[in-house]
PDB file of N, CA and C in Angstrom:
ATOM      1  N   UNK A   1      -1.909  -0.997  18.706  1.00  0.00           N
ATOM      2  CA  UNK A   1      -0.955  -0.531  17.719  1.00  0.00           C
ATOM      3  C   UNK A   1       0.024  -1.646  17.360  1.00  0.00           C
ATOM      4  N   UNK A   2       0.454  -2.422  18.385  1.00  0.00           N
ATOM      5  CA  UNK A   2       1.392  -3.507  18.120  1.00  0.00           C
ATOM      6  C   UNK A   2       0.743  -4.576  17.244  1.00  0.00           C
ATOM      7  N   UNK A   3      -0.550  -4.857  17.489  1.00  0.00           N
ATOM      8  CA  UNK A   3      -1.255  -5.842  16.671  1.00  0.00           C
ATOM      9  C   UNK A   3      -1.358  -5.362  15.229  1.00  0.00           C
ATOM     10  N   UNK A   4      -1.591  -4.066  15.040  1.00  0.00           N
ATOM     11  CA  UNK A   4      -1.679  -3.496  13.700  1.00  0.00           C
ATOM     12  C   UNK A   4      -0.338  -3.616  12.983  1.00  0.00           C
ATOM     13  N   UNK A   5       0.750  -3.359  13.716  1.00  0.00           N
ATOM     14  CA  UNK A   5       2.088  -3.496  13.136  1.00  0.00           C
ATOM     15  C   UNK A   5       2.335  -4.937  12.712  1.00  0.00           C
ATOM     16  N   UNK A   6       1.982  -5.892  13.559  1.00  0.00           N
ATOM     17  CA  UNK A   6       2.174  -7.302  13.220  1.00  0.00           C
ATOM     18  C   UNK A   6       1.328  -7.693  12.017  1.00  0.00           C
ATOM     19  N   UNK A   7       0.128  -7.130  11.917  1.00  0.00           N
ATOM     20  CA  UNK A   7      -0.717  -7.393  10.757  1.00  0.00           C
ATOM     21  C   UNK A   7      -0.049  -6.876   9.488  1.00  0.00           C
ATOM     22  N   UNK A   8       0.545  -5.687   9.540  1.00  0.00           N
ATOM     23  CA  UNK A   8       1.239  -5.139   8.372  1.00  0.00           C
ATOM     24  C   UNK A   8       2.407  -6.020   7.963  1.00  0.00           C
ATOM     25  N   UNK A   9       3.146  -6.510   8.951  1.00  0.00           N
ATOM     26  CA  UNK A   9       4.280  -7.388   8.653  1.00  0.00           C
ATOM     27  C   UNK A   9       3.784  -8.654   7.970  1.00  0.00           C
ATOM     28  N   UNK A  10       2.708  -9.235   8.500  1.00  0.00           N
ATOM     29  CA  UNK A  10       2.156 -10.456   7.904  1.00  0.00           C
ATOM     30  C   UNK A  10       1.659 -10.186   6.487  1.00  0.00           C
ATOM     31  N   UNK A  11       0.960  -9.073   6.294  1.00  0.00           N
ATOM     32  CA  UNK A  11       0.480  -8.724   4.953  1.00  0.00           C
ATOM     33  C   UNK A  11       1.639  -8.478   3.995  1.00  0.00           C
ATOM     34  N   UNK A  12       2.680  -7.839   4.481  1.00  0.00           N
ATOM     35  CA  UNK A  12       3.850  -7.597   3.644  1.00  0.00           C
ATOM     36  C   UNK A  12       4.532  -8.885   3.240  1.00  0.00           C
ATOM     37  N   UNK A  13       4.673  -9.818   4.191  1.00  0.00           N
ATOM     38  CA  UNK A  13       5.290 -11.109   3.874  1.00  0.00           C
ATOM     39  C   UNK A  13       4.444 -11.882   2.871  1.00  0.00           C
ATOM     40  N   UNK A  14       3.133 -11.854   3.067  1.00  0.00           N
ATOM     41  CA  UNK A  14       2.240 -12.534   2.129  1.00  0.00           C
ATOM     42  C   UNK A  14       2.336 -11.902   0.743  1.00  0.00           C
ATOM     43  N   UNK A  15       2.334 -10.586   0.700  1.00  0.00           N
ATOM     44  CA  UNK A  15       2.417  -9.900  -0.592  1.00  0.00           C
ATOM     45  C   UNK A  15       3.744 -10.189  -1.287  1.00  0.00           C
ATOM     46  N   UNK A  16       4.841 -10.230  -0.524  1.00  0.00           N
ATOM     47  CA  UNK A  16       6.137 -10.555  -1.125  1.00  0.00           C
ATOM     48  C   UNK A  16       6.128 -11.950  -1.720  1.00  0.00           C
ATOM     49  N   UNK A  17       5.518 -12.894  -1.013  1.00  0.00           N
ATOM     50  CA  UNK A  17       5.474 -14.260  -1.549  1.00  0.00           C
ATOM     51  C   UNK A  17       4.645 -14.312  -2.826  1.00  0.00           C
ATOM     52  N   UNK A  18       3.557 -13.550  -2.876  1.00  0.00           N
ATOM     53  CA  UNK A  18       2.735 -13.506  -4.090  1.00  0.00           C
ATOM     54  C   UNK A  18       3.507 -12.860  -5.234  1.00  0.00           C
ATOM     55  N   UNK A  19       4.237 -11.788  -4.947  1.00  0.00           N
ATOM     56  CA  UNK A  19       5.009 -11.098  -5.981  1.00  0.00           C
ATOM     57  C   UNK A  19       6.044 -12.028  -6.581  1.00  0.00           C
ATOM     58  N   UNK A  20       6.794 -12.712  -5.742  1.00  0.00           N
ATOM     59  CA  UNK A  20       7.844 -13.581  -6.260  1.00  0.00           C
ATOM     60  C   UNK A  20       7.265 -14.819  -6.923  1.00  0.00           C
ATOM     61  N   UNK A  21       6.148 -15.319  -6.438  1.00  0.00           N
ATOM     62  CA  UNK A  21       5.525 -16.485  -7.068  1.00  0.00           C
ATOM     63  C   UNK A  21       5.011 -16.125  -8.455  1.00  0.00           C
ATOM     64  N   UNK A  22       4.420 -14.949  -8.598  1.00  0.00           N
ATOM     65  CA  UNK A  22       3.862 -14.560  -9.892  1.00  0.00           C
ATOM     66  C   UNK A  22       4.940 -14.184 -10.900  1.00  0.00           C
ATOM     67  N   UNK A  23       6.132 -13.825 -10.437  1.00  0.00           N
ATOM     68  CA  UNK A  23       7.192 -13.459 -11.373  1.00  0.00           C
ATOM     69  C   UNK A  23       8.037 -14.658 -11.781  1.00  0.00           C
ATOM     70  N   UNK A  24       7.689 -15.860 -11.312  1.00  0.00           N
ATOM     71  CA  UNK A  24       8.414 -17.060 -11.695  1.00  0.00           C
ATOM     72  C   UNK A  24       9.637 -17.330 -10.844  1.00  0.00           C
ATOM     73  N   UNK A  25       9.941 -16.467  -9.898  1.00  0.00           N
ATOM     74  CA  UNK A  25      11.124 -16.658  -9.080  1.00  0.00           C
ATOM     75  C   UNK A  25      10.895 -17.630  -7.936  1.00  0.00           C
ATOM     76  N   UNK A  26       9.683 -18.107  -7.747  1.00  0.00           N
ATOM     77  CA  UNK A  26       9.409 -19.056  -6.673  1.00  0.00           C
ATOM     78  C   UNK A  26      10.012 -20.418  -6.989  1.00  0.00           C
ATOM     79  N   UNK A  27      10.379 -20.653  -8.244  1.00  0.00           N
ATOM     80  CA  UNK A  27      10.953 -21.933  -8.642  1.00  0.00           C
ATOM     81  C   UNK A  27      12.372 -22.091  -8.127  1.00  0.00           C
ATOM     82  N   UNK A  28      13.013 -21.011  -7.773  1.00  0.00           N
ATOM     83  CA  UNK A  28      14.350 -21.096  -7.197  1.00  0.00           C
ATOM     84  C   UNK A  28      14.334 -20.401  -5.842  1.00  0.00           C
ATOM     85  N   UNK A  29      15.273 -20.767  -5.022  1.00  0.00           N
ATOM     86  CA  UNK A  29      15.318 -20.188  -3.687  1.00  0.00           C
ATOM     87  C   UNK A  29      15.742 -18.721  -3.774  1.00  0.00           C
ATOM     88  N   UNK A  30      14.994 -17.861  -3.114  1.00  0.00           N
ATOM     89  CA  UNK A  30      15.288 -16.430  -3.099  1.00  0.00           C
ATOM     90  C   UNK A  30      15.827 -16.078  -1.723  1.00  0.00           C
ATOM     91  N   UNK A  31      17.003 -15.511  -1.696  1.00  0.00           N
ATOM     92  CA  UNK A  31      17.622 -15.117  -0.438  1.00  0.00           C
ATOM     93  C   UNK A  31      17.533 -13.596  -0.317  1.00  0.00           C
ATOM     94  N   UNK A  32      16.552 -13.118   0.419  1.00  0.00           N
ATOM     95  CA  UNK A  32      16.340 -11.681   0.573  1.00  0.00           C
ATOM     96  C   UNK A  32      17.135 -11.148   1.755  1.00  0.00           C
ATOM     97  N   UNK A  33      17.845 -10.077   1.524  1.00  0.00           N
ATOM     98  CA  UNK A  33      18.506  -9.347   2.597  1.00  0.00           C
ATOM     99  C   UNK A  33      17.566  -8.211   2.973  1.00  0.00           C
ATOM    100  N   UNK A  34      17.079  -8.237   4.204  1.00  0.00           N
ATOM    101  CA  UNK A  34      16.100  -7.240   4.629  1.00  0.00           C
ATOM    102  C   UNK A  34      16.767  -6.087   5.361  1.00  0.00           C
ATOM    103  N   UNK A  35      16.146  -4.932   5.247  1.00  0.00           N
ATOM    104  CA  UNK A  35      16.607  -3.722   5.912  1.00  0.00           C
ATOM    105  C   UNK A  35      15.390  -3.044   6.525  1.00  0.00           C
ATOM    106  N   UNK A  36      15.542  -2.530   7.738  1.00  0.00           N
ATOM    107  CA  UNK A  36      14.416  -1.870   8.404  1.00  0.00           C
ATOM    108  C   UNK A  36      14.177  -0.492   7.786  1.00  0.00           C
ATOM    109  N   UNK A  37      12.919  -0.227   7.467  1.00  0.00           N
ATOM    110  CA  UNK A  37      12.496   1.097   7.026  1.00  0.00           C
ATOM    111  C   UNK A  37      11.723   1.712   8.177  1.00  0.00           C
ATOM    112  N   UNK A  38      12.129   2.888   8.626  1.00  0.00           N
ATOM    113  CA  UNK A  38      11.454   3.563   9.733  1.00  0.00           C
ATOM    114  C   UNK A  38      10.873   4.868   9.219  1.00  0.00           C
ATOM    115  N   UNK A  39       9.543   4.906   9.132  1.00  0.00           N
ATOM    116  CA  UNK A  39       8.861   6.104   8.668  1.00  0.00           C
ATOM    117  C   UNK A  39       8.259   6.909   9.801  1.00  0.00           C
ATOM    118  N   UNK A  40       8.805   6.779  11.011  1.00  0.00           N
ATOM    119  CA  UNK A  40       8.263   7.494  12.164  1.00  0.00           C
ATOM    120  C   UNK A  40       7.229   6.653  12.878  1.00  0.00           C
ATOM    121  N   UNK A  41       5.970   6.814  12.516  1.00  0.00           N
ATOM    122  CA  UNK A  41       4.898   6.035  13.142  1.00  0.00           C
ATOM    123  C   UNK A  41       4.726   4.670  12.479  1.00  0.00           C
ATOM    124  N   UNK A  42       5.462   4.414  11.412  1.00  0.00           N
ATOM    125  CA  UNK A  42       5.319   3.191  10.635  1.00  0.00           C
ATOM    126  C   UNK A  42       6.705   2.651  10.307  1.00  0.00           C
ATOM    127  N   UNK A  43       6.922   1.364  10.540  1.00  0.00           N
ATOM    128  CA  UNK A  43       8.188   0.748  10.152  1.00  0.00           C
ATOM    129  C   UNK A  43       7.913  -0.641   9.594  1.00  0.00           C
ATOM    130  N   UNK A  44       8.812  -1.093   8.718  1.00  0.00           N
ATOM    131  CA  UNK A  44       8.650  -2.401   8.086  1.00  0.00           C
ATOM    132  C   UNK A  44      10.029  -2.899   7.655  1.00  0.00           C
ATOM    133  N   UNK A  45      10.189  -4.204   7.591  1.00  0.00           N
ATOM    134  CA  UNK A  45      11.395  -4.807   7.038  1.00  0.00           C
ATOM    135  C   UNK A  45      11.187  -4.905   5.529  1.00  0.00           C
ATOM    136  N   UNK A  46      12.087  -4.307   4.767  1.00  0.00           N
ATOM    137  CA  UNK A  46      11.957  -4.317   3.306  1.00  0.00           C
ATOM    138  C   UNK A  46      13.211  -4.926   2.695  1.00  0.00           C
ATOM    139  N   UNK A  47      13.104  -5.476   1.501  1.00  0.00           N
ATOM    140  CA  UNK A  47      14.305  -5.970   0.825  1.00  0.00           C
ATOM    141  C   UNK A  47      15.270  -4.811   0.550  1.00  0.00           C
ATOM    142  N   UNK A  48      16.564  -5.072   0.728  1.00  0.00           N
ATOM    143  CA  UNK A  48      17.574  -4.031   0.457  1.00  0.00           C
ATOM    144  C   UNK A  48      17.448  -3.545  -0.981  1.00  0.00           C
ATOM    145  N   UNK A  49      17.551  -2.231  -1.153  1.00  0.00           N
ATOM    146  CA  UNK A  49      17.474  -1.641  -2.483  1.00  0.00           C
ATOM    147  C   UNK A  49      16.069  -1.241  -2.901  1.00  0.00           C
ATOM    148  N   UNK A  50      15.067  -1.721  -2.191  1.00  0.00           N
ATOM    149  CA  UNK A  50      13.693  -1.356  -2.528  1.00  0.00           C
ATOM    150  C   UNK A  50      13.390   0.026  -1.975  1.00  0.00           C
ATOM    151  N   UNK A  51      12.468   0.715  -2.613  1.00  0.00           N
ATOM    152  CA  UNK A  51      12.026   2.044  -2.197  1.00  0.00           C
ATOM    153  C   UNK A  51      10.666   1.939  -1.507  1.00  0.00           C
ATOM    154  N   UNK A  52      10.417   2.850  -0.576  1.00  0.00           N
ATOM    155  CA  UNK A  52       9.128   2.910   0.114  1.00  0.00           C
ATOM    156  C   UNK A  52       8.573   4.318  -0.033  1.00  0.00           C
ATOM    157  N   UNK A  53       7.314   4.412  -0.445  1.00  0.00           N
ATOM    158  CA  UNK A  53       6.611   5.689  -0.555  1.00  0.00           C
ATOM    159  C   UNK A  53       5.397   5.593   0.357  1.00  0.00           C
ATOM    160  N   UNK A  54       5.228   6.568   1.246  1.00  0.00           N
ATOM    161  CA  UNK A  54       4.084   6.570   2.157  1.00  0.00           C
ATOM    162  C   UNK A  54       3.214   7.784   1.889  1.00  0.00           C
ATOM    163  N   UNK A  55       1.946   7.661   2.261  1.00  0.00           N
ATOM    164  CA  UNK A  55       1.004   8.775   2.122  1.00  0.00           C
ATOM    165  C   UNK A  55      -0.065   8.645   3.193  1.00  0.00           C
ATOM    166  N   UNK A  56      -0.598   9.758   3.623  1.00  0.00           N
ATOM    167  CA  UNK A  56      -1.699   9.763   4.577  1.00  0.00           C
ATOM    168  C   UNK A  56      -1.266   9.405   5.984  1.00  0.00           C
ATOM    169  N   UNK A  57      -2.262   9.217   6.843  1.00  0.00           N
ATOM    170  CA  UNK A  57      -2.028   8.815   8.227  1.00  0.00           C
ATOM    171  C   UNK A  57      -3.304   8.189   8.768  1.00  0.00           C
ATOM    172  N   UNK A  58      -3.153   7.463   9.838  1.00  0.00           N
ATOM    173  CA  UNK A  58      -4.276   6.787  10.501  1.00  0.00           C
ATOM    174  C   UNK A  58      -5.064   5.931   9.512  1.00  0.00           C
ATOM    175  N   UNK A  59      -6.366   6.145   9.404  1.00  0.00           N
ATOM    176  CA  UNK A  59      -7.211   5.279   8.575  1.00  0.00           C
ATOM    177  C   UNK A  59      -6.892   5.383   7.091  1.00  0.00           C
ATOM    178  N   UNK A  60      -6.438   6.546   6.639  1.00  0.00           N
ATOM    179  CA  UNK A  60      -6.155   6.672   5.208  1.00  0.00           C
ATOM    180  C   UNK A  60      -4.666   6.504   4.885  1.00  0.00           C
ATOM    181  N   UNK A  61      -3.917   5.882   5.803  1.00  0.00           N
ATOM    182  CA  UNK A  61      -2.499   5.615   5.563  1.00  0.00           C
ATOM    183  C   UNK A  61      -2.339   4.608   4.425  1.00  0.00           C
ATOM    184  N   UNK A  62      -1.349   4.830   3.589  1.00  0.00           N
ATOM    185  CA  UNK A  62      -1.049   3.915   2.486  1.00  0.00           C
ATOM    186  C   UNK A  62       0.456   3.886   2.275  1.00  0.00           C
ATOM    187  N   UNK A  63       0.951   2.756   1.786  1.00  0.00           N
ATOM    188  CA  UNK A  63       2.348   2.712   1.384  1.00  0.00           C
ATOM    189  C   UNK A  63       2.512   1.867   0.138  1.00  0.00           C
ATOM    190  N   UNK A  64       3.553   2.180  -0.602  1.00  0.00           N
ATOM    191  CA  UNK A  64       3.964   1.418  -1.772  1.00  0.00           C
ATOM    192  C   UNK A  64       5.433   1.092  -1.572  1.00  0.00           C
ATOM    193  N   UNK A  65       5.774  -0.182  -1.689  1.00  0.00           N
ATOM    194  CA  UNK A  65       7.152  -0.628  -1.592  1.00  0.00           C
ATOM    195  C   UNK A  65       7.469  -1.306  -2.920  1.00  0.00           C
ATOM    196  N   UNK A  66       8.555  -0.894  -3.581  1.00  0.00           N
ATOM    197  CA  UNK A  66       8.827  -1.437  -4.913  1.00  0.00           C
ATOM    198  C   UNK A  66      10.326  -1.597  -5.154  1.00  0.00           C
ATOM    199  N   UNK A  67      10.641  -2.445  -6.113  1.00  0.00           N
ATOM    200  CA  UNK A  67      12.015  -2.707  -6.525  1.00  0.00           C
ATOM    201  C   UNK A  67      12.304  -1.838  -7.750  1.00  0.00           C
ATOM    202  N   UNK A  68      13.179  -0.832  -7.640  1.00  0.00           N
ATOM    203  CA  UNK A  68      13.460   0.032  -8.789  1.00  0.00           C
ATOM    204  C   UNK A  68      14.026  -0.732  -9.992  1.00  0.00           C
ATOM    205  N   UNK A  69      14.698  -1.845  -9.742  1.00  0.00           N
ATOM    206  CA  UNK A  69      15.265  -2.637 -10.826  1.00  0.00           C
ATOM    207  C   UNK A  69      14.256  -3.519 -11.538  1.00  0.00           C
ATOM    208  N   UNK A  70      13.171  -3.861 -10.863  1.00  0.00           N
ATOM    209  CA  UNK A  70      12.095  -4.699 -11.413  1.00  0.00           C
ATOM    210  C   UNK A  70      10.764  -4.048 -11.051  1.00  0.00           C
ATOM    211  N   UNK A  71      10.283  -3.090 -11.824  1.00  0.00           N
ATOM    212  CA  UNK A  71       9.090  -2.313 -11.459  1.00  0.00           C
ATOM    213  C   UNK A  71       7.834  -3.141 -11.178  1.00  0.00           C
ATOM    214  N   UNK A  72       7.750  -4.366 -11.698  1.00  0.00           N
ATOM    215  CA  UNK A  72       6.561  -5.180 -11.432  1.00  0.00           C
ATOM    216  C   UNK A  72       6.574  -5.784 -10.033  1.00  0.00           C
ATOM    217  N   UNK A  73       7.700  -5.747  -9.361  1.00  0.00           N
ATOM    218  CA  UNK A  73       7.772  -6.230  -7.977  1.00  0.00           C
ATOM    219  C   UNK A  73       7.335  -5.096  -7.063  1.00  0.00           C
ATOM    220  N   UNK A  74       6.119  -5.200  -6.560  1.00  0.00           N
ATOM    221  CA  UNK A  74       5.550  -4.150  -5.717  1.00  0.00           C
ATOM    222  C   UNK A  74       4.761  -4.765  -4.577  1.00  0.00           C
ATOM    223  N   UNK A  75       4.758  -4.072  -3.466  1.00  0.00           N
ATOM    224  CA  UNK A  75       3.888  -4.396  -2.339  1.00  0.00           C
ATOM    225  C   UNK A  75       3.190  -3.094  -1.986  1.00  0.00           C
ATOM    226  N   UNK A  76       1.879  -3.143  -1.846  1.00  0.00           N
ATOM    227  CA  UNK A  76       1.178  -1.923  -1.481  1.00  0.00           C
ATOM    228  C   UNK A  76       0.099  -2.223  -0.454  1.00  0.00           C
ATOM    229  N   UNK A  77      -0.217  -1.200   0.311  1.00  0.00           N
ATOM    230  CA  UNK A  77      -1.253  -1.285   1.339  1.00  0.00           C
ATOM    231  C   UNK A  77      -2.032   0.022   1.320  1.00  0.00           C
ATOM    232  N   UNK A  78      -3.351  -0.090   1.296  1.00  0.00           N
ATOM    233  CA  UNK A  78      -4.232   1.069   1.392  1.00  0.00           C
ATOM    234  C   UNK A  78      -5.156   0.837   2.575  1.00  0.00           C
ATOM    235  N   UNK A  79      -5.105   1.730   3.565  1.00  0.00           N
ATOM    236  CA  UNK A  79      -5.949   1.576   4.741  1.00  0.00           C
ATOM    237  C   UNK A  79      -7.417   1.784   4.424  1.00  0.00           C
ATOM    238  N   UNK A  80      -7.727   2.883   3.830  1.00  0.00           N
ATOM    239  CA  UNK A  80      -9.111   3.209   3.480  1.00  0.00           C
ATOM    240  C   UNK A  80      -9.076   3.973   2.162  1.00  0.00           C
ATOM    241  N   UNK A  81      -9.865   3.541   1.219  1.00  0.00           N
ATOM    242  CA  UNK A  81      -9.869   4.186  -0.091  1.00  0.00           C
ATOM    243  C   UNK A  81     -11.248   4.784  -0.333  1.00  0.00           C
ATOM    244  N   UNK A  82     -11.275   6.044  -0.646  1.00  0.00           N
ATOM    245  CA  UNK A  82     -12.538   6.718  -0.928  1.00  0.00           C
ATOM    246  C   UNK A  82     -12.788   6.782  -2.420  1.00  0.00           C
ATOM    247  N   UNK A  83     -13.728   7.598  -2.830  1.00  0.00           N
ATOM    248  CA  UNK A  83     -14.019   7.693  -4.262  1.00  0.00           C
ATOM    249  C   UNK A  83     -12.837   8.288  -5.035  1.00  0.00           C
ATOM    250  N   UNK A  84     -12.636   7.765  -6.216  1.00  0.00           N
ATOM    251  CA  UNK A  84     -11.615   8.281  -7.128  1.00  0.00           C
ATOM    252  C   UNK A  84     -12.352   8.798  -8.358  1.00  0.00           C
ATOM    253  N   UNK A  85     -12.160  10.062  -8.657  1.00  0.00           N
ATOM    254  CA  UNK A  85     -12.892  10.689  -9.750  1.00  0.00           C
ATOM    255  C   UNK A  85     -12.019  10.814 -10.990  1.00  0.00           C
ATOM    256  N   UNK A  86     -12.608  10.508 -12.126  1.00  0.00           N
ATOM    257  CA  UNK A  86     -11.912  10.646 -13.394  1.00  0.00           C
ATOM    258  C   UNK A  86     -12.039  12.066 -13.945  1.00  0.00           C
ATOM    259  N   UNK A  87     -13.001  12.831 -13.398  1.00  0.00           N
ATOM    260  CA  UNK A  87     -13.164  14.207 -13.861  1.00  0.00           C
ATOM    261  C   UNK A  87     -13.715  15.062 -12.723  1.00  0.00           C
ATOM    262  N   UNK A  88     -13.489  16.355 -12.834  1.00  0.00           N
ATOM    263  CA  UNK A  88     -14.025  17.304 -11.864  1.00  0.00           C
ATOM    264  C   UNK A  88     -15.550  17.315 -11.928  1.00  0.00           C
ATOM    265  N   UNK A  89     -16.107  17.093 -13.110  1.00  0.00           N
ATOM    266  CA  UNK A  89     -17.561  17.077 -13.283  1.00  0.00           C
ATOM    267  C   UNK A  89     -18.195  15.974 -12.432  1.00  0.00           C
ATOM    268  N   UNK A  90     -17.617  14.778 -12.441  1.00  0.00           N
ATOM    269  CA  UNK A  90     -18.173  13.679 -11.643  1.00  0.00           C
ATOM    270  C   UNK A  90     -18.087  13.994 -10.151  1.00  0.00           C
ATOM    271  N   UNK A  91     -17.001  14.633  -9.747  1.00  0.00           N
ATOM    272  CA  UNK A  91     -16.851  15.019  -8.345  1.00  0.00           C
ATOM    273  C   UNK A  91     -17.948  16.013  -7.953  1.00  0.00           C
ATOM    274  N   UNK A  92     -18.251  16.971  -8.823  1.00  0.00           N
ATOM    275  CA  UNK A  92     -19.291  17.958  -8.541  1.00  0.00           C
ATOM    276  C   UNK A  92     -20.681  17.321  -8.493  1.00  0.00           C
ATOM    277  N   UNK A  93     -20.929  16.342  -9.345  1.00  0.00           N
ATOM    278  CA  UNK A  93     -22.218  15.627  -9.317  1.00  0.00           C
ATOM    279  C   UNK A  93     -22.396  14.947  -7.965  1.00  0.00           C
ATOM    280  N   UNK A  94     -21.363  14.275  -7.486  1.00  0.00           N
ATOM    281  CA  UNK A  94     -21.443  13.619  -6.181  1.00  0.00           C
ATOM    282  C   UNK A  94     -21.596  14.638  -5.052  1.00  0.00           C
ATOM    283  N   UNK A  95     -20.913  15.775  -5.176  1.00  0.00           N
ATOM    284  CA  UNK A  95     -21.013  16.810  -4.162  1.00  0.00           C
ATOM    285  C   UNK A  95     -22.441  17.356  -4.087  1.00  0.00           C
ATOM    286  N   UNK A  96     -23.063  17.600  -5.231  1.00  0.00           N
ATOM    287  CA  UNK A  96     -24.447  18.082  -5.251  1.00  0.00           C
ATOM    288  C   UNK A  96     -25.393  17.044  -4.648  1.00  0.00           C
ATOM    289  N   UNK A  97     -25.157  15.774  -4.945  1.00  0.00           N
ATOM    290  CA  UNK A  97     -25.965  14.693  -4.368  1.00  0.00           C
ATOM    291  C   UNK A  97     -25.859  14.711  -2.845  1.00  0.00           C
ATOM    292  N   UNK A  98     -24.655  14.899  -2.337  1.00  0.00           N
ATOM    293  CA  UNK A  98     -24.445  14.934  -0.898  1.00  0.00           C
ATOM    294  C   UNK A  98     -25.163  16.137  -0.279  1.00  0.00           C
ATOM    295  N   UNK A  99     -25.107  17.299  -0.942  1.00  0.00           N
ATOM    296  CA  UNK A  99     -25.774  18.495  -0.429  1.00  0.00           C
ATOM    297  C   UNK A  99     -27.292  18.318  -0.366  1.00  0.00           C
ATOM    298  N   UNK A 100     -27.843  17.468  -1.237  1.00  0.00           N
ATOM    299  CA  UNK A 100     -29.293  17.234  -1.246  1.00  0.00           C
ATOM    300  C   UNK A 100     -29.705  16.166  -0.232  1.00  0.00           C
ATOM    301  N   UNK A 101     -28.757  15.690   0.569  1.00  0.00           N
ATOM    302  CA  UNK A 101     -29.096  14.715   1.605  1.00  0.00           C
ATOM    303  C   UNK A 101     -28.579  13.320   1.351  1.00  0.00           C
ATOM    304  N   UNK A 102     -27.779  13.137   0.325  1.00  0.00           N
ATOM    305  CA  UNK A 102     -27.206  11.817   0.041  1.00  0.00           C
ATOM    306  C   UNK A 102     -26.111  11.466   1.035  1.00  0.00           C
ATOM    307  N   UNK A 103     -25.537  10.329   0.853  1.00  0.00           N
ATOM    308  CA  UNK A 103     -24.462   9.884   1.741  1.00  0.00           C
ATOM    309  C   UNK A 103     -23.267  10.817   1.634  1.00  0.00           C
ATOM    310  N   UNK A 104     -22.558  11.045   2.756  1.00  0.00           N
ATOM    311  CA  UNK A 104     -21.406  11.948   2.717  1.00  0.00           C
ATOM    312  C   UNK A 104     -20.259  11.360   1.898  1.00  0.00           C
ATOM    313  N   UNK A 105     -19.522  12.232   1.259  1.00  0.00           N
ATOM    314  CA  UNK A 105     -18.321  11.843   0.522  1.00  0.00           C
ATOM    315  C   UNK A 105     -17.145  12.094   1.445  1.00  0.00           C
ATOM    316  N   UNK A 106     -16.425  11.062   1.738  1.00  0.00           N
ATOM    317  CA  UNK A 106     -15.310  11.182   2.684  1.00  0.00           C
ATOM    318  C   UNK A 106     -14.061  11.683   2.020  1.00  0.00           C
TER     319      UNK A 106
END
């Protein structure tokens, strides 16, 4: 669990550097004031003023961390992503395929 937490911290730091580099702010020094976010089983250091939204747990845990003042500044993590359906019809087609012996839909 501790290794997983450290991995999240590393991924978050990497994502923050990518966000600031892509927004042109990497050309000047950015002094971030960090604040601990504690979501119970999940915690992370986030920039002050940023919002964190979490969903799921264990393998399907996901979070979105964003700056309300600059909506393009976002960090997100998805543990496991399953199929995303654009319509109920497509979901039913996959369900029928699974019932006939196809791969399970998680």
